[in-house]
Amino acid sequence: MPYQDRPHVPAPPLPDLVNDVVTRFDAYARTRAMRDSLLPTARTTPRHEQQAFDDLQAAVTRLRNSLG
């Protein structure tokens, strides 16, 4: 669907976007820390770590786009 056909959706307020970035960074940091856990059941997979990073990157992109 072309971009022009999409209805305008207002961006979330800036504090919500910043909070999303901080929350996703925290989730990514916890995922990275679990990678080296001594307990095998607490370890994370590379796929889970990549998903957490992708979520963080998307949140940062949304924040940057709202500022531009």
Protein backbone atom coordinates (compact mmCIF):
# COMPACT_ATOMS: atom_id res chain seq x y z
CA MET A 1 0.00 0.00 0.00
CA PRO A 2 1.53 3.35 -0.96
CA TYR A 3 2.43 5.70 1.86
CA GLN A 4 0.02 8.40 0.63
CA ASP A 5 -2.98 6.06 1.07
CA ARG A 6 -2.32 5.51 4.75
CA PRO A 7 -4.33 7.59 7.19
CA HIS A 8 -2.26 9.95 9.32
CA VAL A 9 -1.59 8.37 12.70
CA PRO A 10 -0.31 10.86 15.26
CA ALA A 11 3.00 9.98 16.88
CA PRO A 12 2.95 9.04 20.55
CA PRO A 13 4.03 11.78 22.97
CA LEU A 14 7.79 12.20 23.34
CA PRO A 15 7.91 10.96 26.97
CA ASP A 16 6.20 7.73 25.86
CA LEU A 17 8.77 7.23 23.10
CA VAL A 18 11.67 7.86 25.48
CA ASN A 19 10.16 5.47 28.02
CA ASP A 20 9.83 2.81 25.30
CA VAL A 21 13.52 3.16 24.40
CA VAL A 22 14.59 2.92 28.05
CA THR A 23 12.35 -0.11 28.64
CA ARG A 24 13.63 -1.91 25.55
CA PHE A 25 17.24 -1.07 26.43
CA ASP A 26 16.69 -2.61 29.87
CA ALA A 27 15.19 -5.73 28.29
CA TYR A 28 18.14 -5.99 25.90
CA ALA A 29 20.65 -5.54 28.73
CA ARG A 30 18.95 -8.28 30.77
CA THR A 31 18.94 -10.56 27.74
CA ARG A 32 22.65 -9.96 27.18
CA ALA A 33 23.37 -10.65 30.85
CA MET A 34 21.44 -13.94 30.69
CA ARG A 35 23.61 -15.06 27.78
CA ASP A 36 26.47 -15.79 30.18
CA SER A 37 24.39 -17.13 33.06
CA LEU A 38 25.78 -20.00 35.08
CA LEU A 39 22.37 -21.63 35.16
CA PRO A 40 21.57 -23.35 31.84
CA THR A 41 17.83 -22.76 32.25
CA ALA A 42 18.39 -19.02 32.68
CA ARG A 43 20.47 -18.66 29.51
CA THR A 44 19.04 -16.96 26.48
CA THR A 45 19.33 -17.93 22.84
CA PRO A 46 21.03 -15.86 20.16
CA ARG A 47 17.61 -15.52 18.49
CA HIS A 48 16.08 -14.07 21.66
CA GLU A 49 19.00 -11.67 22.04
CA GLN A 50 18.65 -10.57 18.41
CA GLN A 51 14.92 -9.98 18.86
CA ALA A 52 15.58 -7.81 21.92
CA PHE A 53 18.14 -5.82 19.93
CA ASP A 54 15.77 -5.42 16.98
CA ASP A 55 13.03 -4.17 19.32
CA LEU A 56 15.45 -1.65 20.83
CA GLN A 57 16.58 -0.49 17.40
CA ALA A 58 12.96 -0.01 16.26
CA ALA A 59 12.17 2.02 19.39
CA VAL A 60 15.21 4.27 18.78
CA THR A 61 14.13 4.74 15.16
CA ARG A 62 10.62 5.77 16.23
CA LEU A 63 12.11 8.27 18.68
CA ARG A 64 14.46 9.71 16.05
CA ASN A 65 11.66 9.98 13.50
CA SER A 66 9.47 11.86 15.97
CA LEU A 67 12.25 14.42 16.52
CA GLY A 68 12.92 14.97 12.83
